[in-house]
Amino acid sequence: MSWSRAVHGTDFAALRVGAALTVAAAMIVSLWYAINSFRLGLELIEPLPYFDQWTFIENDYFRYLDGVYRWTDLFAHHNEHRILTTRLVLFADAIFFRMRGVMPILFIYATLASVAAGVAALCADTAYRVGIVFLAALGLAWSTCQWPNLASAFQVQMSLVHLFALVALAAASAGSIAALGIAAVADFLAVFSLGSGIFLIFPLGLVAALTRQYRGFVPLALFHLVLVIVYLDATWPPTDPIYGFAPLRCLTLMLEFIGLPFGGAASAGAAGLLVFASLLGLAIRRSANQAGDGRTAALLGLAAFALIEGAVVAYTRFEYGVGARYGTAAVVFWLATMAAAWRMAGRRFSAAMAVVACGLTVVANQPMYEADWRAYFTSMEEARHDLVGGDLSGQSLGRVFVAPQPYLPEAIRRLQSLHAGPFR
């Protein structure tokens, strides 16, 4: 007796309809969370500068107003970083919008949307499918697990460095001379957006290895080396007491870094690392069989960049641990990894990948992130009320700068005379 039967055409139609409905549901969930995040971003905009932004005001903006600022000062160190692009955004907000804080927040959301769009363009082959992947990814790209970077104008660097890394990796995977020029410009901007940009050479090397495009990689690597020498002032960077290394502790911190959308769960980070390693192994095998794909290589390179950031943070934040402000890097890791998996799996698994993306989006937008965001906003509003009222006590200053600096009272008074920031 035979248990086999012919498969009717309506079965295939039902499968196609089911897959389409699943993908549509994932897009709806993603858009719902994206809209909620954007609503929160607008509702909780805080014009009072926070923490490092006061350093920009004192060292950059006031010196610009005094007529002693040089264009080379845009490249000056800020702690261990050189934040050219952040300074440009903050200057634009201060000069054209009186430092109200709205423009940088909108810019951050636009940058993250651009990252999602770039990932979608690498994942899909047609404009229609790019749109589907973008809508399914936007809720994760704008997820509230990274709320410190959606709440502070100064944190624009966190989104910019990943956008420039994405452009550099995508251009490097293309391999043409014009694309390598674009990769070099994006590499320059990544290096001078955040300190992690100096490590972009390793993901670029990974892309070159997977696509077997070594000839174009050599001049790009030499250019990057020059950037790093300029970045470091041709000296070895100084150490800090908070830096440290212990294998188990650093591995745990790195896994917590990857698991930030899951509340910092190291187990989620371990799962993500295993998925990435599996995809990388498959990509290496395909490359060895002359079946490599440049877009997949770029996506894996972007995920690798976020992993390297996790390793660097594990060393530089050894004493403190990881915080929610590193959530953007973790979000980019999951975006790139899932997009690479979606591309490598093919259309047959679109519904399954949409379900996974939907689950990640829900987890990365847990209510506790909104609660933390609102608590921060309430604290800043209390500080704003005190400062506008003339209270420059240590308690009030401590809300806007973790370790209040001697220049803060005078800087606040000068900002008030300019009717900038929270002072109307």
Protein backbone atom coordinates (compact mmCIF):
# COMPACT_ATOMS: atom_id res chain seq x y z
CA MET A 1 0.00 0.00 0.00
CA SER A 2 1.37 3.35 -0.95
CA TRP A 3 1.25 6.27 1.45
CA SER A 4 2.28 8.78 -1.18
CA ARG A 5 -0.14 11.04 -3.00
CA ALA A 6 0.05 13.74 -5.60
CA VAL A 7 0.50 17.26 -4.26
CA HIS A 8 -2.32 19.46 -5.48
CA GLY A 9 -1.58 22.91 -6.85
CA THR A 10 -3.80 24.47 -4.18
CA ASP A 11 -1.36 23.20 -1.54
CA PHE A 12 1.40 25.33 -3.03
CA ALA A 13 -0.97 28.28 -3.22
CA ALA A 14 -1.86 27.85 0.45
CA LEU A 15 1.81 27.73 1.38
CA ARG A 16 2.50 30.90 -0.58
CA VAL A 17 -0.46 32.68 1.02
CA GLY A 18 0.61 31.52 4.49
CA ALA A 19 4.17 32.72 3.95
CA ALA A 20 2.95 36.07 2.62
CA LEU A 21 0.65 36.56 5.61
CA THR A 22 3.49 35.70 8.00
CA VAL A 23 5.82 38.23 6.40
CA ALA A 24 3.04 40.83 6.37
CA ALA A 25 2.38 40.24 10.07
CA ALA A 26 6.10 40.67 10.81
CA MET A 27 6.10 43.98 8.93
CA ILE A 28 3.05 45.21 10.84
CA VAL A 29 4.64 44.33 14.19
CA SER A 30 7.88 46.01 13.13
CA LEU A 31 6.09 49.18 12.03
CA TRP A 32 4.07 49.30 15.25
CA TYR A 33 7.22 49.23 17.37
CA ALA A 34 9.01 51.66 15.04
CA ILE A 35 6.16 54.17 15.30
CA ASN A 36 6.07 53.76 19.07
CA SER A 37 9.81 54.37 19.33
CA PHE A 38 9.62 57.45 17.12
CA ARG A 39 6.69 58.76 19.15
CA LEU A 40 8.73 58.35 22.32
CA GLY A 41 11.71 60.00 20.68
CA LEU A 42 9.64 63.11 19.92
CA GLU A 43 7.74 63.09 23.21
CA LEU A 44 10.87 62.74 25.37
CA ILE A 45 13.17 65.18 23.58
CA GLU A 46 15.18 67.00 26.23
CA PRO A 47 16.78 70.36 25.33
CA LEU A 48 19.04 70.27 28.40
CA PRO A 49 22.54 69.09 27.33
CA TYR A 50 23.72 65.96 29.09
CA PHE A 51 27.18 64.83 30.18
CA ASP A 52 29.68 64.89 27.26
CA GLN A 53 27.66 67.50 25.37
CA TRP A 54 28.75 70.05 28.01
CA THR A 55 32.36 69.32 27.04
CA PHE A 56 31.46 70.14 23.44
CA ILE A 57 29.77 73.36 24.56
CA GLU A 58 32.77 74.49 26.60
CA ASN A 59 35.62 73.33 24.35
CA ASP A 60 34.04 73.73 20.91
CA TYR A 61 30.93 75.89 20.76
CA PHE A 62 32.08 78.70 23.07
CA ARG A 63 35.49 78.80 21.42
CA TYR A 64 33.71 79.06 18.06
CA LEU A 65 31.70 82.01 19.39
CA ASP A 66 34.90 83.60 20.70
CA GLY A 67 36.48 83.36 17.23
CA VAL A 68 39.40 81.15 18.29
CA TYR A 69 38.14 77.82 16.93
CA ARG A 70 40.14 76.25 14.08
CA TRP A 71 38.88 73.70 11.59
CA THR A 72 41.52 71.24 12.82
CA ASP A 73 39.85 71.35 16.24
CA LEU A 74 37.03 69.32 14.70
CA PHE A 75 39.45 66.37 14.73
CA ALA A 76 40.59 66.88 18.33
CA HIS A 77 40.42 64.00 20.79
CA HIS A 78 37.41 63.56 23.00
CA ASN A 79 38.67 61.05 25.55
CA GLU A 80 39.89 58.16 23.35
CA HIS A 81 37.74 59.18 20.38
CA ARG A 82 37.90 61.70 17.56
CA ILE A 83 34.32 62.78 16.96
CA LEU A 84 34.42 64.92 13.82
CA THR A 85 30.95 63.91 12.64
CA THR A 86 29.36 64.36 16.06
CA ARG A 87 30.82 67.86 16.32
CA LEU A 88 29.42 68.76 12.90
CA VAL A 89 25.92 67.64 13.89
CA LEU A 90 26.08 69.46 17.25
CA PHE A 91 27.41 72.62 15.60
CA ALA A 92 24.53 72.52 13.12
CA ASP A 93 22.05 72.19 15.96
CA ALA A 94 23.68 75.00 17.98
CA ILE A 95 24.11 77.47 15.10
CA PHE A 96 20.88 76.92 13.17
CA PHE A 97 18.46 75.60 15.81
CA ARG A 98 19.67 77.22 19.07
CA MET A 99 20.62 73.84 20.52
CA ARG A 100 17.01 72.77 21.08
CA GLY A 101 18.00 69.13 20.62
CA VAL A 102 15.30 68.24 18.08
CA MET A 103 17.50 68.11 14.98
CA PRO A 104 20.09 65.64 16.37
CA ILE A 105 17.38 63.24 17.56
CA LEU A 106 15.68 63.29 14.15
CA PHE A 107 19.11 62.84 12.58
CA ILE A 108 19.76 59.78 14.76
CA TYR A 109 16.47 58.18 13.72
CA ALA A 110 17.20 58.96 10.05
CA THR A 111 20.68 57.44 10.37
CA LEU A 112 19.34 54.24 11.91
CA ALA A 113 16.69 54.04 9.20
CA SER A 114 19.48 54.38 6.63
CA VAL A 115 21.31 51.48 8.28
CA ALA A 116 18.14 49.37 8.05
CA ALA A 117 17.70 50.38 4.41
CA GLY A 118 21.32 49.52 3.62
CA VAL A 119 21.02 46.12 5.29
CA ALA A 120 17.80 45.46 3.37
CA ALA A 121 19.47 46.44 0.07
CA LEU A 122 22.26 43.96 0.73
CA CYS A 123 19.82 41.24 1.79
CA ALA A 124 17.37 41.37 -1.12
CA ASP A 125 17.78 41.38 -4.91
CA THR A 126 14.71 43.34 -6.00
CA ALA A 127 13.29 46.69 -4.96
CA TYR A 128 10.07 45.00 -3.84
CA ARG A 129 11.89 42.59 -1.52
CA VAL A 130 14.17 45.37 -0.27
CA GLY A 131 11.05 47.22 0.84
CA ILE A 132 9.75 44.14 2.63
CA VAL A 133 13.01 43.52 4.49
CA PHE A 134 13.33 47.22 5.38
CA LEU A 135 9.84 47.36 6.89
CA ALA A 136 10.48 44.13 8.77
CA ALA A 137 13.78 45.51 10.11
CA LEU A 138 12.81 49.07 11.05
CA GLY A 139 11.24 48.10 14.38
CA LEU A 140 14.52 46.50 15.43
CA ALA A 141 16.65 49.33 14.03
CA TRP A 142 14.67 51.88 16.09
CA SER A 143 14.23 49.58 19.10
CA THR A 144 14.07 51.13 22.56
CA CYS A 145 16.77 48.82 23.98
CA GLN A 146 19.20 51.51 22.76
CA TRP A 147 17.23 54.34 24.38
CA PRO A 148 20.29 56.29 25.67
CA ASN A 149 21.31 56.78 22.03
CA LEU A 150 17.80 57.92 21.10
CA ALA A 151 17.59 60.36 23.99
CA SER A 152 20.88 62.27 23.80
CA ALA A 153 22.10 64.50 20.97
CA PHE A 154 25.72 63.66 21.72
CA GLN A 155 25.13 59.96 21.07
CA VAL A 156 24.69 60.51 17.33
CA GLN A 157 28.16 58.98 16.95
CA MET A 158 26.79 55.54 17.83
CA SER A 159 24.55 55.40 14.77
CA LEU A 160 26.90 57.26 12.42
CA VAL A 161 29.86 54.91 12.88
CA HIS A 162 27.72 51.93 11.89
CA LEU A 163 26.22 53.68 8.89
CA PHE A 164 29.70 54.55 7.59
CA ALA A 165 30.96 51.03 8.34
CA LEU A 166 28.02 49.60 6.35
CA VAL A 167 28.76 51.87 3.37
CA ALA A 168 32.47 51.02 3.46
CA LEU A 169 31.83 47.26 3.60
CA ALA A 170 29.17 47.33 0.90
CA ALA A 171 31.40 49.38 -1.39
CA ALA A 172 34.41 47.14 -0.73
CA SER A 173 32.34 44.08 -1.67
CA ALA A 174 31.53 45.67 -5.04
CA GLY A 175 35.20 45.83 -5.96
CA SER A 176 35.17 48.51 -8.67
CA ILE A 177 37.53 51.48 -8.56
CA ALA A 178 34.69 53.92 -7.95
CA ALA A 179 33.34 51.68 -5.16
CA LEU A 180 36.76 51.53 -3.51
CA GLY A 181 36.82 55.33 -3.53
CA ILE A 182 33.46 55.35 -1.75
CA ALA A 183 34.78 52.75 0.70
CA ALA A 184 37.79 54.98 1.47
CA VAL A 185 35.58 58.01 2.18
CA ALA A 186 33.26 55.97 4.38
CA ASP A 187 36.28 54.47 6.16
CA PHE A 188 37.59 57.98 6.88
CA LEU A 189 34.23 59.06 8.29
CA ALA A 190 33.92 55.91 10.42
CA VAL A 191 37.38 56.40 11.93
CA PHE A 192 36.58 60.02 12.81
CA SER A 193 33.14 59.21 14.17
CA LEU A 194 34.07 56.85 17.00
CA GLY A 195 37.16 55.07 18.26
CA SER A 196 35.88 51.68 17.12
CA GLY A 197 36.27 52.89 13.54
CA ILE A 198 40.00 52.16 13.65
CA PHE A 199 39.13 48.44 13.79
CA LEU A 200 37.07 48.55 10.60
CA ILE A 201 40.09 47.27 8.68
CA PHE A 202 39.47 43.74 9.99
CA PRO A 203 35.89 43.43 8.64
CA LEU A 204 37.13 44.98 5.39
CA GLY A 205 39.76 42.25 5.27
CA LEU A 206 37.08 39.65 5.89
CA VAL A 207 35.06 40.97 2.95
CA ALA A 208 38.17 40.90 0.75
CA ALA A 209 38.87 37.29 1.77
CA LEU A 210 35.30 36.10 1.17
CA THR A 211 35.06 37.84 -2.20
CA ARG A 212 38.71 37.14 -3.14
CA GLN A 213 39.28 40.78 -4.07
CA TYR A 214 42.71 41.29 -2.56
CA ARG A 215 44.04 43.72 -5.15
CA GLY A 216 41.60 46.45 -4.19
CA PHE A 217 41.99 45.73 -0.49
CA VAL A 218 45.72 46.54 -0.39
CA PRO A 219 45.43 50.29 -1.20
CA LEU A 220 42.38 50.55 1.07
CA ALA A 221 44.35 48.93 3.90
CA LEU A 222 47.27 51.32 3.38
CA PHE A 223 44.88 54.28 3.43
CA HIS A 224 43.34 52.99 6.64
CA LEU A 225 46.79 52.61 8.19
CA VAL A 226 47.49 56.28 7.49
CA LEU A 227 44.19 57.20 9.14
CA VAL A 228 45.07 55.16 12.22
CA ILE A 229 48.51 56.79 12.48
CA VAL A 230 46.90 60.23 12.30
CA TYR A 231 44.23 59.15 14.76
CA LEU A 232 46.77 57.95 17.31
CA ASP A 233 49.16 60.88 16.72
CA ALA A 234 51.80 58.27 15.80
CA THR A 235 51.93 57.15 19.46
CA TRP A 236 50.60 54.15 21.33
CA PRO A 237 47.35 55.10 23.12
CA PRO A 238 47.60 55.50 26.90
CA THR A 239 46.01 52.97 29.21
CA ASP A 240 43.33 53.70 31.78
CA PRO A 241 42.80 52.18 35.24
CA ILE A 242 39.35 50.94 34.17
CA TYR A 243 40.87 48.85 31.34
CA GLY A 244 41.49 45.23 32.06
CA PHE A 245 41.63 41.71 30.71
CA ALA A 246 40.68 38.33 32.12
CA PRO A 247 39.54 35.70 29.59
CA LEU A 248 36.32 34.61 31.30
CA ARG A 249 35.30 38.11 32.39
CA CYS A 250 35.95 39.61 28.93
CA LEU A 251 34.09 36.79 27.18
CA THR A 252 31.12 37.28 29.50
CA LEU A 253 31.12 41.04 28.87
CA MET A 254 31.29 40.47 25.12
CA LEU A 255 28.34 38.06 25.23
CA GLU A 256 26.37 40.51 27.39
CA PHE A 257 27.20 43.21 24.85
CA ILE A 258 25.71 41.11 22.02
CA GLY A 259 22.76 40.22 24.23
CA LEU A 260 21.84 43.83 25.11
CA PRO A 261 18.54 43.67 23.14
CA PHE A 262 17.69 40.72 25.41
CA GLY A 263 18.38 42.65 28.60
CA GLY A 264 22.09 41.89 28.45
CA ALA A 265 21.62 38.12 28.67
CA ALA A 266 24.93 36.36 28.01
CA SER A 267 23.03 33.26 26.83
CA ALA A 268 21.39 35.30 24.04
CA GLY A 269 24.82 36.66 23.13
CA ALA A 270 26.20 33.12 22.97
CA ALA A 271 23.35 32.08 20.67
CA GLY A 272 24.00 35.04 18.40
CA LEU A 273 27.71 34.27 18.30
CA LEU A 274 27.01 30.64 17.35
CA VAL A 275 24.65 31.72 14.56
CA PHE A 276 27.24 34.17 13.23
CA ALA A 277 29.99 31.52 13.37
CA SER A 278 27.79 29.06 11.47
CA LEU A 279 26.98 31.59 8.77
CA LEU A 280 30.63 32.59 8.48
CA GLY A 281 31.66 28.95 8.13
CA LEU A 282 29.11 28.43 5.37
CA ALA A 283 30.23 31.63 3.63
CA ILE A 284 33.87 30.48 3.74
CA ARG A 285 32.87 27.13 2.26
CA ARG A 286 30.94 28.80 -0.55
CA SER A 287 33.83 31.14 -1.23
CA ALA A 288 36.20 28.18 -1.47
CA ASN A 289 33.82 26.62 -4.00
CA GLN A 290 33.82 29.83 -6.08
CA ALA A 291 30.23 30.50 -5.02
CA GLY A 292 30.87 33.46 -2.73
CA ASP A 293 28.46 36.38 -2.59
CA GLY A 294 29.66 39.94 -2.06
CA ARG A 295 26.47 41.13 -0.37
CA THR A 296 26.54 38.29 2.14
CA ALA A 297 30.20 39.09 2.80
CA ALA A 298 29.33 42.73 3.50
CA LEU A 299 26.58 41.73 5.94
CA LEU A 300 28.87 39.34 7.76
CA GLY A 301 31.54 42.04 7.80
CA LEU A 302 29.09 44.44 9.48
CA ALA A 303 28.20 41.82 12.09
CA ALA A 304 31.90 41.17 12.64
CA PHE A 305 32.48 44.89 13.18
CA ALA A 306 29.90 44.89 15.98
CA LEU A 307 31.56 41.80 17.48
CA ILE A 308 34.92 43.57 17.46
CA GLU A 309 33.28 46.53 19.18
CA GLY A 310 32.04 44.11 21.83
CA ALA A 311 35.57 42.79 22.37
CA VAL A 312 36.97 46.32 22.63
CA VAL A 313 34.26 47.36 25.10
CA ALA A 314 34.96 44.25 27.18
CA TYR A 315 38.54 45.50 27.57
CA THR A 316 37.93 49.24 27.94
CA ARG A 317 34.89 48.82 30.24
CA PHE A 318 36.34 45.94 32.20
CA GLU A 319 35.66 47.59 35.57
CA TYR A 320 32.24 49.02 34.76
CA GLY A 321 30.59 46.47 32.50
CA VAL A 322 28.43 47.20 29.46
CA GLY A 323 25.51 49.63 29.43
CA ALA A 324 22.46 50.34 27.30
CA ARG A 325 24.33 52.97 25.25
CA TYR A 326 26.08 50.10 23.47
CA GLY A 327 22.70 48.78 22.41
CA THR A 328 23.01 50.29 18.93
CA ALA A 329 26.05 48.14 18.13
CA ALA A 330 24.19 45.06 19.39
CA VAL A 331 21.14 45.95 17.29
CA VAL A 332 23.35 46.31 14.22
CA PHE A 333 24.88 42.89 14.94
CA TRP A 334 21.47 41.23 15.00
CA LEU A 335 20.26 43.14 11.95
CA ALA A 336 23.29 42.14 9.90
CA THR A 337 23.34 38.54 11.12
CA MET A 338 19.65 37.96 10.46
CA ALA A 339 19.89 39.63 7.04
CA ALA A 340 22.85 37.40 6.14
CA ALA A 341 20.89 34.33 7.26
CA TRP A 342 17.83 35.49 5.29
CA ARG A 343 19.91 35.97 2.15
CA MET A 344 21.75 32.67 2.49
CA ALA A 345 18.58 30.69 3.27
CA GLY A 346 16.73 31.89 0.19
CA ARG A 347 13.07 32.59 -0.44
CA ARG A 348 11.87 29.23 0.82
CA PHE A 349 12.56 30.30 4.40
CA SER A 350 11.26 33.87 4.16
CA ALA A 351 8.36 33.16 6.51
CA ALA A 352 10.63 31.53 9.10
CA MET A 353 13.12 34.39 8.96
CA ALA A 354 10.26 36.91 9.28
CA VAL A 355 9.09 35.15 12.44
CA VAL A 356 12.58 35.29 13.91
CA ALA A 357 12.93 38.97 13.01
CA CYS A 358 9.53 39.65 14.59
CA GLY A 359 10.59 37.90 17.80
CA LEU A 360 13.82 39.91 17.97
CA THR A 361 11.86 43.13 17.47
CA VAL A 362 9.45 42.32 20.30
CA VAL A 363 12.26 41.43 22.71
CA ALA A 364 14.31 44.53 21.81
CA ASN A 365 11.30 46.76 22.61
CA GLN A 366 10.43 45.41 26.04
CA PRO A 367 8.45 47.78 28.32
CA MET A 368 11.38 48.06 30.75
CA TYR A 369 13.36 50.04 28.18
CA GLU A 370 10.60 52.62 27.87
CA ALA A 371 10.39 52.79 31.66
CA ASP A 372 14.13 53.49 31.92
CA TRP A 373 13.86 56.13 29.20
CA ARG A 374 11.00 57.89 30.98
CA ALA A 375 12.88 57.80 34.30
CA TYR A 376 15.86 59.48 32.63
CA PHE A 377 13.58 62.11 31.08
CA THR A 378 11.95 62.84 34.45
CA SER A 379 15.35 63.32 36.07
CA MET A 380 16.49 65.65 33.28
CA GLU A 381 13.26 67.65 33.48
CA GLU A 382 13.82 68.15 37.21
CA ALA A 383 17.37 69.29 36.51
CA ARG A 384 16.15 71.65 33.78
CA HIS A 385 13.59 73.17 36.14
CA ASP A 386 16.29 73.74 38.77
CA LEU A 387 18.86 75.20 36.36
CA VAL A 388 16.38 77.51 34.64
CA GLY A 389 15.37 78.67 38.11
CA GLY A 390 18.99 79.51 38.94
CA ASP A 391 19.79 76.53 41.16
CA LEU A 392 23.42 75.63 40.40
CA SER A 393 23.93 73.40 43.41
CA GLY A 394 25.99 70.24 43.19
CA GLN A 395 22.84 68.13 43.27
CA SER A 396 21.40 69.88 40.20
CA LEU A 397 24.70 69.78 38.30
CA GLY A 398 25.13 66.12 39.16
CA ARG A 399 22.05 65.29 37.12
CA VAL A 400 23.57 66.66 33.91
CA PHE A 401 27.20 65.61 34.42
CA VAL A 402 28.25 62.48 36.28
CA ALA A 403 31.28 64.29 37.76
CA PRO A 404 30.38 68.03 37.72
CA GLN A 405 33.17 70.14 36.24
CA PRO A 406 34.32 73.56 37.58
CA TYR A 407 33.35 75.27 34.33
CA LEU A 408 29.71 74.13 34.45
CA PRO A 409 28.14 77.06 36.39
CA GLU A 410 29.69 79.68 34.10
CA ALA A 411 28.85 77.61 31.00
CA ILE A 412 25.21 77.41 32.10
CA ARG A 413 25.04 81.15 32.71
CA ARG A 414 26.55 81.86 29.29
CA LEU A 415 24.16 79.46 27.59
CA GLN A 416 21.31 81.24 29.34
CA SER A 417 22.52 84.60 28.05
CA LEU A 418 22.47 83.14 24.53
CA HIS A 419 18.90 81.85 25.00
CA ALA A 420 20.12 78.48 23.79
CA GLY A 421 19.37 74.93 24.85
CA PRO A 422 16.73 74.87 27.66
CA PHE A 423 16.86 78.65 28.04
CA ARG A 424 14.22 80.28 25.86
